């Protein structure tokens, strides 16, 4: 087990301990869903506290297990450092979300969306960093039929995708802190726009490459 996986395992244990402590101090009924304005609008039992470590453990197992069955696993090894960093950032994101959940239900008053903005920004920026270094594979990255068919299309699409995800992270951070009521809609709009454009871009680059080969 490498150092990063040791850190991720330790963070997963932190999430489990935090869930157990939260369960011991939280009221029987807790807020478990917040609307786009950051106001609680859904409630459940305090056992919801254990949902966070369960998700963390499941996702970490999938992150570590699935890529090993990729026919292009050797390519994943080429950006293993960035992939490991992303996994650590994702687990930290989940623990931060868990801490906000517990704090809110212990009576601390804050706008949930506003405090989530920095965490989401960090997560999407980490995605941007990962995309910039990723190599063609079937599990991680922008996997369209056209990026998977060509290393060149993969590189061009991921280079652009990296910039767009980093820009999305910065935009969401600014809107989330200044206008939290609109932040979720801005994020959804940006993500849909980025995904649609990258689909088009990868297809257009594949067509260009195909035409070039025919000449």
C-alpha atoms as a PDB file:
ATOM      1  CA  UNK A   1       0.000   0.000   0.000  1.00  0.00           C
ATOM      2  CA  UNK A   2       1.506   3.362  -1.049  1.00  0.00           C
ATOM      3  CA  UNK A   3       1.630   6.441   1.151  1.00  0.00           C
ATOM      4  CA  UNK A   4      -1.417   8.078  -0.428  1.00  0.00           C
ATOM      5  CA  UNK A   5      -3.557   4.961   0.054  1.00  0.00           C
ATOM      6  CA  UNK A   6      -2.404   4.846   3.696  1.00  0.00           C
ATOM      7  CA  UNK A   7      -3.527   8.467   4.073  1.00  0.00           C
ATOM      8  CA  UNK A   8      -6.866   7.713   2.379  1.00  0.00           C
ATOM      9  CA  UNK A   9      -7.406   4.713   4.682  1.00  0.00           C
ATOM     10  CA  UNK A  10      -6.660   6.929   7.703  1.00  0.00           C
ATOM     11  CA  UNK A  11      -9.131   9.540   6.414  1.00  0.00           C
ATOM     12  CA  UNK A  12     -11.786   6.847   5.978  1.00  0.00           C
ATOM     13  CA  UNK A  13     -11.248   5.874   9.628  1.00  0.00           C
ATOM     14  CA  UNK A  14     -11.616   9.545  10.590  1.00  0.00           C
ATOM     15  CA  UNK A  15     -14.968   9.578   8.776  1.00  0.00           C
ATOM     16  CA  UNK A  16     -16.107   6.472  10.677  1.00  0.00           C
ATOM     17  CA  UNK A  17     -15.074   7.961  14.041  1.00  0.00           C
ATOM     18  CA  UNK A  18     -16.736  11.273  13.159  1.00  0.00           C
ATOM     19  CA  UNK A  19     -19.952   9.427  12.230  1.00  0.00           C
ATOM     20  CA  UNK A  20     -19.974   7.517  15.518  1.00  0.00           C
ATOM     21  CA  UNK A  21     -19.395  10.704  17.501  1.00  0.00           C
ATOM     22  CA  UNK A  22     -22.063  12.519  15.489  1.00  0.00           C
ATOM     23  CA  UNK A  23     -24.559   9.751  16.171  1.00  0.00           C
ATOM     24  CA  UNK A  24     -23.894  10.055  19.902  1.00  0.00           C
ATOM     25  CA  UNK A  25     -24.530  13.817  20.062  1.00  0.00           C
ATOM     26  CA  UNK A  26     -27.053  14.551  17.282  1.00  0.00           C
ATOM     27  CA  UNK A  27     -30.813  14.864  17.918  1.00  0.00           C
ATOM     28  CA  UNK A  28     -33.075  12.025  16.794  1.00  0.00           C
ATOM     29  CA  UNK A  29     -34.267  13.963  13.732  1.00  0.00           C
ATOM     30  CA  UNK A  30     -31.695  15.789  11.630  1.00  0.00           C
ATOM     31  CA  UNK A  31     -31.662  17.934   8.508  1.00  0.00           C
ATOM     32  CA  UNK A  32     -30.396  15.788   5.634  1.00  0.00           C
ATOM     33  CA  UNK A  33     -31.207  17.797   2.524  1.00  0.00           C
ATOM     34  CA  UNK A  34     -30.765  21.448   1.624  1.00  0.00           C
ATOM     35  CA  UNK A  35     -32.322  23.409  -1.241  1.00  0.00           C
ATOM     36  CA  UNK A  36     -30.428  25.541  -3.740  1.00  0.00           C
ATOM     37  CA  UNK A  37     -30.524  28.478  -1.304  1.00  0.00           C
ATOM     38  CA  UNK A  38     -28.774  26.462   1.401  1.00  0.00           C
ATOM     39  CA  UNK A  39     -31.895  26.078   3.565  1.00  0.00           C
ATOM     40  CA  UNK A  40     -32.759  22.662   5.045  1.00  0.00           C
ATOM     41  CA  UNK A  41     -35.858  21.163   3.394  1.00  0.00           C
ATOM     42  CA  UNK A  42     -35.510  17.444   4.121  1.00  0.00           C
ATOM     43  CA  UNK A  43     -35.129  15.523   7.377  1.00  0.00           C
ATOM     44  CA  UNK A  44     -34.302  11.988   8.514  1.00  0.00           C
ATOM     45  CA  UNK A  45     -33.031   9.977  11.490  1.00  0.00           C
ATOM     46  CA  UNK A  46     -29.607  10.665  13.000  1.00  0.00           C
ATOM     47  CA  UNK A  47     -28.310   7.343  11.622  1.00  0.00           C
ATOM     48  CA  UNK A  48     -27.819   9.337   8.410  1.00  0.00           C
ATOM     49  CA  UNK A  49     -24.479  10.238  10.000  1.00  0.00           C
ATOM     50  CA  UNK A  50     -23.184   6.792   8.971  1.00  0.00           C
ATOM     51  CA  UNK A  51     -24.046   7.360   5.321  1.00  0.00           C
ATOM     52  CA  UNK A  52     -20.851   9.409   4.847  1.00  0.00           C
ATOM     53  CA  UNK A  53     -18.277   6.761   5.865  1.00  0.00           C
ATOM     54  CA  UNK A  54     -20.242   4.096   3.989  1.00  0.00           C
ATOM     55  CA  UNK A  55     -20.047   6.171   0.803  1.00  0.00           C
ATOM     56  CA  UNK A  56     -16.372   6.954   1.411  1.00  0.00           C
ATOM     57  CA  UNK A  57     -15.457   3.279   1.848  1.00  0.00           C
ATOM     58  CA  UNK A  58     -17.486   2.145  -1.188  1.00  0.00           C
ATOM     59  CA  UNK A  59     -16.092   4.867  -3.454  1.00  0.00           C
ATOM     60  CA  UNK A  60     -12.489   4.334  -2.323  1.00  0.00           C
ATOM     61  CA  UNK A  61     -12.812   0.586  -2.969  1.00  0.00           C
ATOM     62  CA  UNK A  62     -14.202   1.273  -6.456  1.00  0.00           C
ATOM     63  CA  UNK A  63     -11.484   3.863  -7.154  1.00  0.00           C
ATOM     64  CA  UNK A  64      -8.784   1.330  -6.262  1.00  0.00           C
ATOM     65  CA  UNK A  65     -10.379  -1.793  -7.704  1.00  0.00           C
ATOM     66  CA  UNK A  66     -12.027  -0.910 -11.028  1.00  0.00           C
ATOM     67  CA  UNK A  67      -9.017   0.666 -12.839  1.00  0.00           C
ATOM     68  CA  UNK A  68      -7.020  -2.547 -12.365  1.00  0.00           C
ATOM     69  CA  UNK A  69      -9.347  -4.239 -14.874  1.00  0.00           C
ATOM     70  CA  UNK A  70      -8.821  -1.568 -17.509  1.00  0.00           C
ATOM     71  CA  UNK A  71      -7.175  -2.998 -20.670  1.00  0.00           C
ATOM     72  CA  UNK A  72      -5.176   0.261 -20.707  1.00  0.00           C
ATOM     73  CA  UNK A  73      -4.163   0.103 -17.038  1.00  0.00           C
ATOM     74  CA  UNK A  74      -0.548   0.873 -17.972  1.00  0.00           C
ATOM     75  CA  UNK A  75      -1.727   4.296 -19.106  1.00  0.00           C
ATOM     76  CA  UNK A  76      -3.399   4.904 -15.725  1.00  0.00           C
ATOM     77  CA  UNK A  77      -0.082   4.161 -14.021  1.00  0.00           C
ATOM     78  CA  UNK A  78       1.448   7.046 -15.985  1.00  0.00           C
ATOM     79  CA  UNK A  79      -0.700   9.564 -14.082  1.00  0.00           C
ATOM     80  CA  UNK A  80      -0.873   7.592 -10.840  1.00  0.00           C
ATOM     81  CA  UNK A  81       0.330  10.537  -8.726  1.00  0.00           C
ATOM     82  CA  UNK A  82      -2.465  12.841  -9.928  1.00  0.00           C
ATOM     83  CA  UNK A  83      -5.029  10.033  -9.590  1.00  0.00           C
ATOM     84  CA  UNK A  84      -3.965   9.354  -5.991  1.00  0.00           C
ATOM     85  CA  UNK A  85      -4.097  13.073  -5.152  1.00  0.00           C
ATOM     86  CA  UNK A  86      -7.604  13.290  -6.607  1.00  0.00           C
ATOM     87  CA  UNK A  87      -8.735  10.343  -4.474  1.00  0.00           C
ATOM     88  CA  UNK A  88      -7.396  12.058  -1.363  1.00  0.00           C
ATOM     89  CA  UNK A  89      -9.089  15.344  -2.300  1.00  0.00           C
ATOM     90  CA  UNK A  90     -12.387  13.512  -2.865  1.00  0.00           C
ATOM     91  CA  UNK A  91     -12.257  11.832   0.559  1.00  0.00           C
ATOM     92  CA  UNK A  92     -11.405  15.167   2.201  1.00  0.00           C
ATOM     93  CA  UNK A  93     -14.394  16.678   0.389  1.00  0.00           C
ATOM     94  CA  UNK A  94     -16.680  13.993   1.839  1.00  0.00           C
ATOM     95  CA  UNK A  95     -15.311  14.515   5.363  1.00  0.00           C
ATOM     96  CA  UNK A  96     -15.805  18.267   5.031  1.00  0.00           C
ATOM     97  CA  UNK A  97     -19.400  17.665   3.916  1.00  0.00           C
ATOM     98  CA  UNK A  98     -19.868  15.308   6.877  1.00  0.00           C
ATOM     99  CA  UNK A  99     -18.501  17.934   9.292  1.00  0.00           C
ATOM    100  CA  UNK A 100     -20.904  20.548   7.894  1.00  0.00           C
ATOM    101  CA  UNK A 101     -23.802  18.094   8.290  1.00  0.00           C
ATOM    102  CA  UNK A 102     -22.952  17.486  11.954  1.00  0.00           C
ATOM    103  CA  UNK A 103     -22.280  21.155  12.735  1.00  0.00           C
ATOM    104  CA  UNK A 104     -25.566  22.277  11.160  1.00  0.00           C
ATOM    105  CA  UNK A 105     -27.546  19.703  13.126  1.00  0.00           C
ATOM    106  CA  UNK A 106     -25.828  20.666  16.374  1.00  0.00           C
ATOM    107  CA  UNK A 107     -27.298  24.138  15.984  1.00  0.00           C
ATOM    108  CA  UNK A 108     -24.573  26.109  14.240  1.00  0.00           C
ATOM    109  CA  UNK A 109     -26.177  28.620  11.897  1.00  0.00           C
ATOM    110  CA  UNK A 110     -24.761  29.047   8.394  1.00  0.00           C
ATOM    111  CA  UNK A 111     -25.710  28.915   4.730  1.00  0.00           C
ATOM    112  CA  UNK A 112     -24.923  25.356   3.641  1.00  0.00           C
ATOM    113  CA  UNK A 113     -24.355  26.248  -0.017  1.00  0.00           C
ATOM    114  CA  UNK A 114     -22.034  29.117   0.849  1.00  0.00           C
ATOM    115  CA  UNK A 115     -19.755  26.909   2.942  1.00  0.00           C
ATOM    116  CA  UNK A 116     -19.861  24.150   0.329  1.00  0.00           C
ATOM    117  CA  UNK A 117     -18.581  26.487  -2.395  1.00  0.00           C
ATOM    118  CA  UNK A 118     -14.861  26.278  -1.445  1.00  0.00           C
ATOM    119  CA  UNK A 119     -15.042  22.481  -1.166  1.00  0.00           C
ATOM    120  CA  UNK A 120     -16.747  22.058  -4.543  1.00  0.00           C
ATOM    121  CA  UNK A 121     -14.283  24.512  -6.080  1.00  0.00           C
ATOM    122  CA  UNK A 122     -11.337  22.492  -4.735  1.00  0.00           C
ATOM    123  CA  UNK A 123     -12.878  19.246  -6.011  1.00  0.00           C
ATOM    124  CA  UNK A 124     -13.498  20.565  -9.527  1.00  0.00           C
ATOM    125  CA  UNK A 125     -10.064  22.176  -9.650  1.00  0.00           C
ATOM    126  CA  UNK A 126      -8.590  18.783  -8.709  1.00  0.00           C
ATOM    127  CA  UNK A 127     -10.562  17.274 -11.598  1.00  0.00           C
ATOM    128  CA  UNK A 128      -8.952  19.860 -13.873  1.00  0.00           C
ATOM    129  CA  UNK A 129      -5.471  18.926 -12.656  1.00  0.00           C
ATOM    130  CA  UNK A 130      -6.228  15.229 -13.142  1.00  0.00           C
ATOM    131  CA  UNK A 131      -7.552  15.724 -16.677  1.00  0.00           C
ATOM    132  CA  UNK A 132      -4.411  17.591 -17.735  1.00  0.00           C
ATOM    133  CA  UNK A 133      -2.231  14.577 -16.888  1.00  0.00           C
ATOM    134  CA  UNK A 134      -4.545  11.693 -17.780  1.00  0.00           C
ATOM    135  CA  UNK A 135      -3.789   9.227 -20.559  1.00  0.00           C
ATOM    136  CA  UNK A 136      -6.258   7.226 -22.621  1.00  0.00           C
ATOM    137  CA  UNK A 137      -8.154   4.654 -20.543  1.00  0.00           C
ATOM    138  CA  UNK A 138     -11.684   3.343 -20.011  1.00  0.00           C
ATOM    139  CA  UNK A 139     -12.359   4.436 -16.408  1.00  0.00           C
ATOM    140  CA  UNK A 140     -10.933   7.895 -15.724  1.00  0.00           C
ATOM    141  CA  UNK A 141     -11.419  11.059 -17.759  1.00  0.00           C
ATOM    142  CA  UNK A 142     -13.574  12.276 -20.642  1.00  0.00           C
ATOM    143  CA  UNK A 143     -14.444   8.953 -22.225  1.00  0.00           C
ATOM    144  CA  UNK A 144     -16.282   9.603 -25.473  1.00  0.00           C
ATOM    145  CA  UNK A 145     -16.138   7.230 -28.478  1.00  0.00           C
ATOM    146  CA  UNK A 146     -13.794   9.719 -30.148  1.00  0.00           C
ATOM    147  CA  UNK A 147     -11.321  10.255 -27.298  1.00  0.00           C
ATOM    148  CA  UNK A 148     -11.101   6.494 -26.773  1.00  0.00           C
ATOM    149  CA  UNK A 149     -10.381   5.998 -30.476  1.00  0.00           C
ATOM    150  CA  UNK A 150      -7.388   8.340 -30.624  1.00  0.00           C
ATOM    151  CA  UNK A 151      -4.547   9.369 -28.330  1.00  0.00           C
ATOM    152  CA  UNK A 152      -4.359  12.734 -30.098  1.00  0.00           C
ATOM    153  CA  UNK A 153      -8.080  13.461 -29.642  1.00  0.00           C
ATOM    154  CA  UNK A 154      -7.795  12.333 -26.009  1.00  0.00           C
ATOM    155  CA  UNK A 155      -4.893  14.729 -25.369  1.00  0.00           C
ATOM    156  CA  UNK A 156      -6.568  17.717 -27.050  1.00  0.00           C
ATOM    157  CA  UNK A 157      -9.940  17.122 -25.352  1.00  0.00           C
ATOM    158  CA  UNK A 158      -8.413  16.649 -21.913  1.00  0.00           C
ATOM    159  CA  UNK A 159      -6.173  19.680 -22.266  1.00  0.00           C
ATOM    160  CA  UNK A 160      -9.247  21.797 -22.987  1.00  0.00           C
ATOM    161  CA  UNK A 161     -11.317  19.974 -20.353  1.00  0.00           C
ATOM    162  CA  UNK A 162      -8.666  20.719 -17.743  1.00  0.00           C
ATOM    163  CA  UNK A 163      -8.889  24.450 -18.412  1.00  0.00           C
ATOM    164  CA  UNK A 164     -12.704  24.430 -18.431  1.00  0.00           C
ATOM    165  CA  UNK A 165     -13.002  22.518 -15.148  1.00  0.00           C
ATOM    166  CA  UNK A 166     -10.515  24.827 -13.453  1.00  0.00           C
ATOM    167  CA  UNK A 167     -12.453  27.861 -14.747  1.00  0.00           C
ATOM    168  CA  UNK A 168     -15.711  26.283 -13.517  1.00  0.00           C
ATOM    169  CA  UNK A 169     -14.161  25.781 -10.076  1.00  0.00           C
ATOM    170  CA  UNK A 170     -13.121  29.434  -9.821  1.00  0.00           C
ATOM    171  CA  UNK A 171     -16.479  30.714 -11.126  1.00  0.00           C
ATOM    172  CA  UNK A 172     -18.419  28.540  -8.665  1.00  0.00           C
ATOM    173  CA  UNK A 173     -16.229  29.661  -5.775  1.00  0.00           C
ATOM    174  CA  UNK A 174     -16.907  33.341  -6.534  1.00  0.00           C
ATOM    175  CA  UNK A 175     -20.652  32.907  -7.087  1.00  0.00           C
ATOM    176  CA  UNK A 176     -20.996  30.522  -4.140  1.00  0.00           C
ATOM    177  CA  UNK A 177     -19.420  32.977  -1.717  1.00  0.00           C
ATOM    178  CA  UNK A 178     -21.083  36.133  -3.044  1.00  0.00           C
ATOM    179  CA  UNK A 179     -24.445  34.863  -4.352  1.00  0.00           C
ATOM    180  CA  UNK A 180     -25.064  31.473  -2.699  1.00  0.00           C
ATOM    181  CA  UNK A 181     -28.724  31.438  -3.724  1.00  0.00           C
ATOM    182  CA  UNK A 182     -27.711  31.161  -7.381  1.00  0.00           C
ATOM    183  CA  UNK A 183     -24.601  29.010  -6.958  1.00  0.00           C
ATOM    184  CA  UNK A 184     -26.130  25.576  -7.598  1.00  0.00           C
ATOM    185  CA  UNK A 185     -27.870  26.755 -10.759  1.00  0.00           C
ATOM    186  CA  UNK A 186     -24.689  28.403 -11.980  1.00  0.00           C
ATOM    187  CA  UNK A 187     -22.741  25.202 -11.299  1.00  0.00           C
ATOM    188  CA  UNK A 188     -25.295  23.023 -13.102  1.00  0.00           C
ATOM    189  CA  UNK A 189     -25.366  25.402 -16.055  1.00  0.00           C
ATOM    190  CA  UNK A 190     -21.576  25.491 -16.292  1.00  0.00           C
ATOM    191  CA  UNK A 191     -21.213  21.710 -16.005  1.00  0.00           C
ATOM    192  CA  UNK A 192     -23.864  21.006 -18.635  1.00  0.00           C
ATOM    193  CA  UNK A 193     -22.245  23.558 -20.939  1.00  0.00           C
ATOM    194  CA  UNK A 194     -18.765  22.099 -20.387  1.00  0.00           C
ATOM    195  CA  UNK A 195     -19.911  18.502 -20.954  1.00  0.00           C
ATOM    196  CA  UNK A 196     -21.863  19.327 -24.125  1.00  0.00           C
ATOM    197  CA  UNK A 197     -19.005  21.392 -25.547  1.00  0.00           C
ATOM    198  CA  UNK A 198     -16.407  18.710 -24.797  1.00  0.00           C
ATOM    199  CA  UNK A 199     -18.576  16.092 -26.524  1.00  0.00           C
ATOM    200  CA  UNK A 200     -18.752  18.324 -29.598  1.00  0.00           C
ATOM    201  CA  UNK A 201     -15.051  19.192 -29.385  1.00  0.00           C
ATOM    202  CA  UNK A 202     -13.907  15.555 -29.172  1.00  0.00           C
ATOM    203  CA  UNK A 203     -16.095  14.637 -32.153  1.00  0.00           C
ATOM    204  CA  UNK A 204     -14.847  17.585 -34.223  1.00  0.00           C
ATOM    205  CA  UNK A 205     -11.214  16.756 -33.439  1.00  0.00           C
ATOM    206  CA  UNK A 206     -11.781  13.117 -34.390  1.00  0.00           C
ATOM    207  CA  UNK A 207     -13.313  14.189 -37.723  1.00  0.00           C
ATOM    208  CA  UNK A 208     -10.324  16.458 -38.387  1.00  0.00           C
ATOM    209  CA  UNK A 209      -7.911  13.647 -37.644  1.00  0.00           C
ATOM    210  CA  UNK A 210      -9.875  11.260 -39.846  1.00  0.00           C
ATOM    211  CA  UNK A 211      -9.853  13.714 -42.763  1.00  0.00           C
ATOM    212  CA  UNK A 212      -6.125  14.270 -42.335  1.00  0.00           C
ATOM    213  CA  UNK A 213      -5.432  10.532 -42.568  1.00  0.00           C
ATOM    214  CA  UNK A 214      -7.424  10.246 -45.802  1.00  0.00           C
ATOM    215  CA  UNK A 215      -5.276  12.844 -47.571  1.00  0.00           C
END
